[in-house]
Amino acid sequence: MKIVNTLDVPRLYSQKDDRFRYEAVKENVLGLKNICGEIVVYPPGASGQSHHHIGTEHLFYITEGRGKMYVDDKEYEVKAGDFVSVFDGERHWFKNHTSETFAFLELFAPAKYKTIWDSPDLK
């Protein structure tokens, strides 16, 4: 058994926008081998880049605020308390269109997978 607080892991900043994340659900942090994930935070106005994953299922739990999620070019409004599943190969990205923080826990299973960015120079 292991307990790790989000604030005890490094905060990692996106190289292309204002998002940041805490990579707490990693083998080197919690010792989990079959699942991985992180907490992702979108400040007001921030948006991510379109991408998809090969070889994993993706579970999101919205922890704070609300935002727009795009899956295969279809727009969805998501809010705190929502669970969202994205399957192998489904292209997705988020946008915080509000004046409040938008955050979620994202989990991947299995933990070994490949990410394909629509614009490889933007991550």
Protein backbone atom coordinates (compact mmCIF):
# COMPACT_ATOMS: atom_id res chain seq x y z
CA MET A 1 0.00 0.00 0.00
CA LYS A 2 1.23 3.49 -0.83
CA ILE A 3 -0.22 6.98 -0.34
CA VAL A 4 1.03 9.96 -2.37
CA ASN A 5 -0.44 13.46 -2.26
CA THR A 6 -0.86 15.32 -5.55
CA LEU A 7 1.15 18.24 -4.23
CA ASP A 8 4.09 15.93 -3.46
CA VAL A 9 4.72 15.13 -7.15
CA PRO A 10 6.22 17.62 -9.61
CA ARG A 11 3.91 19.99 -11.50
CA LEU A 12 4.70 19.61 -15.21
CA TYR A 13 3.83 22.41 -17.64
CA SER A 14 2.79 22.00 -21.27
CA GLN A 15 5.32 23.35 -23.75
CA LYS A 16 2.65 24.84 -26.03
CA ASP A 17 -0.12 26.27 -23.82
CA ASP A 18 -1.15 27.01 -20.23
CA ARG A 19 -2.10 23.48 -19.14
CA PHE A 20 -0.22 21.69 -16.39
CA ARG A 21 -0.38 18.23 -14.82
CA TYR A 22 0.57 16.14 -11.84
CA GLU A 23 1.80 12.68 -12.86
CA ALA A 24 0.81 10.90 -9.66
CA VAL A 25 -0.51 7.63 -11.10
CA LYS A 26 2.79 6.27 -12.42
CA GLU A 27 4.74 3.12 -11.68
CA ASN A 28 7.67 5.11 -10.28
CA VAL A 29 5.31 7.02 -7.93
CA LEU A 30 2.66 4.53 -6.77
CA GLY A 31 4.13 1.25 -8.00
CA LEU A 32 1.17 0.44 -10.28
CA LYS A 33 2.11 -1.57 -13.36
CA ASN A 34 -1.21 -1.95 -15.22
CA ILE A 35 -2.72 1.52 -14.95
CA CYS A 36 -1.30 5.04 -15.19
CA GLY A 37 -2.59 8.56 -15.22
CA GLU A 38 -2.40 12.10 -14.03
CA ILE A 39 -4.35 15.12 -12.90
CA VAL A 40 -4.60 17.71 -15.68
CA VAL A 41 -5.47 21.36 -15.01
CA TYR A 42 -6.70 23.83 -17.63
CA PRO A 43 -6.67 27.47 -16.51
CA PRO A 44 -9.38 29.71 -18.03
CA GLY A 45 -9.06 29.89 -21.82
CA ALA A 46 -6.57 27.01 -22.14
CA SER A 47 -7.00 24.23 -24.68
CA GLY A 48 -5.12 21.06 -25.55
CA GLN A 49 -4.09 19.55 -28.85
CA SER A 50 -6.00 16.91 -30.81
CA HIS A 51 -4.55 13.40 -30.44
CA HIS A 52 -5.41 9.74 -29.99
CA HIS A 53 -3.92 6.73 -28.26
CA ILE A 54 -3.15 3.27 -29.59
CA GLY A 55 -3.27 0.28 -27.26
CA THR A 56 -5.18 1.68 -24.26
CA GLU A 57 -8.57 2.68 -22.93
CA HIS A 58 -8.83 6.14 -21.40
CA LEU A 59 -10.99 7.12 -18.44
CA PHE A 60 -11.55 10.72 -17.35
CA TYR A 61 -13.13 11.91 -14.11
CA ILE A 62 -13.87 15.63 -14.11
CA THR A 63 -12.86 16.97 -10.68
CA GLU A 64 -13.35 20.71 -11.05
CA GLY A 65 -15.23 23.18 -13.24
CA ARG A 66 -16.55 22.51 -16.70
CA GLY A 67 -15.16 22.46 -20.21
CA LYS A 68 -15.62 21.29 -23.76
CA MET A 69 -14.39 17.88 -24.84
CA TYR A 70 -14.03 16.98 -28.48
CA VAL A 71 -14.11 13.33 -29.55
CA ASP A 72 -13.75 12.57 -33.27
CA ASP A 73 -14.81 16.18 -34.01
CA LYS A 74 -18.02 16.01 -31.95
CA GLU A 75 -18.29 18.57 -29.11
CA TYR A 76 -19.44 17.61 -25.60
CA GLU A 77 -19.92 19.77 -22.51
CA VAL A 78 -18.41 18.07 -19.43
CA LYS A 79 -18.54 19.15 -15.78
CA ALA A 80 -17.32 18.19 -12.32
CA GLY A 81 -18.63 14.75 -11.38
CA ASP A 82 -18.70 13.37 -14.96
CA PHE A 83 -16.96 10.14 -15.94
CA VAL A 84 -15.97 9.94 -19.62
CA SER A 85 -14.54 6.95 -21.48
CA VAL A 86 -12.51 7.30 -24.67
CA PHE A 87 -11.59 4.16 -26.54
CA ASP A 88 -8.51 3.03 -28.44
CA GLY A 89 -8.06 5.23 -31.50
CA GLU A 90 -10.69 7.90 -30.72
CA ARG A 91 -9.25 11.36 -31.39
CA HIS A 92 -9.87 13.80 -28.52
CA TRP A 93 -8.95 17.10 -26.88
CA PHE A 94 -10.27 19.58 -24.29
CA LYS A 95 -10.90 23.31 -24.08
CA ASN A 96 -11.67 25.44 -21.04
CA HIS A 97 -14.06 28.04 -22.42
CA THR A 98 -14.94 29.38 -18.94
CA SER A 99 -13.47 31.90 -16.51
CA GLU A 100 -12.85 29.18 -13.89
CA THR A 101 -10.31 26.36 -13.54
CA PHE A 102 -11.17 23.09 -15.29
CA ALA A 103 -9.45 19.91 -14.07
CA PHE A 104 -9.71 16.15 -14.38
CA LEU A 105 -8.11 12.86 -13.44
CA GLU A 106 -7.21 10.79 -16.49
CA LEU A 107 -6.35 7.10 -16.31
CA PHE A 108 -4.99 4.75 -18.96
CA ALA A 109 -5.25 0.95 -18.96
CA PRO A 110 -3.09 -0.75 -19.89
CA ALA A 111 -0.32 1.61 -18.90
CA LYS A 112 1.82 0.98 -22.00
CA TYR A 113 0.45 2.75 -25.09
CA LYS A 114 1.36 5.11 -27.92
CA THR A 115 0.08 8.70 -28.34
CA ILE A 116 -0.35 10.09 -31.86
CA TRP A 117 -0.62 13.90 -32.10
CA ASP A 118 -2.53 15.42 -35.05
CA SER A 119 0.14 18.15 -35.17
CA PRO A 120 3.33 16.42 -33.98
CA ASP A 121 5.09 19.75 -33.27
CA LEU A 122 2.29 20.72 -30.82
CA LYS A 123 2.01 18.64 -27.65
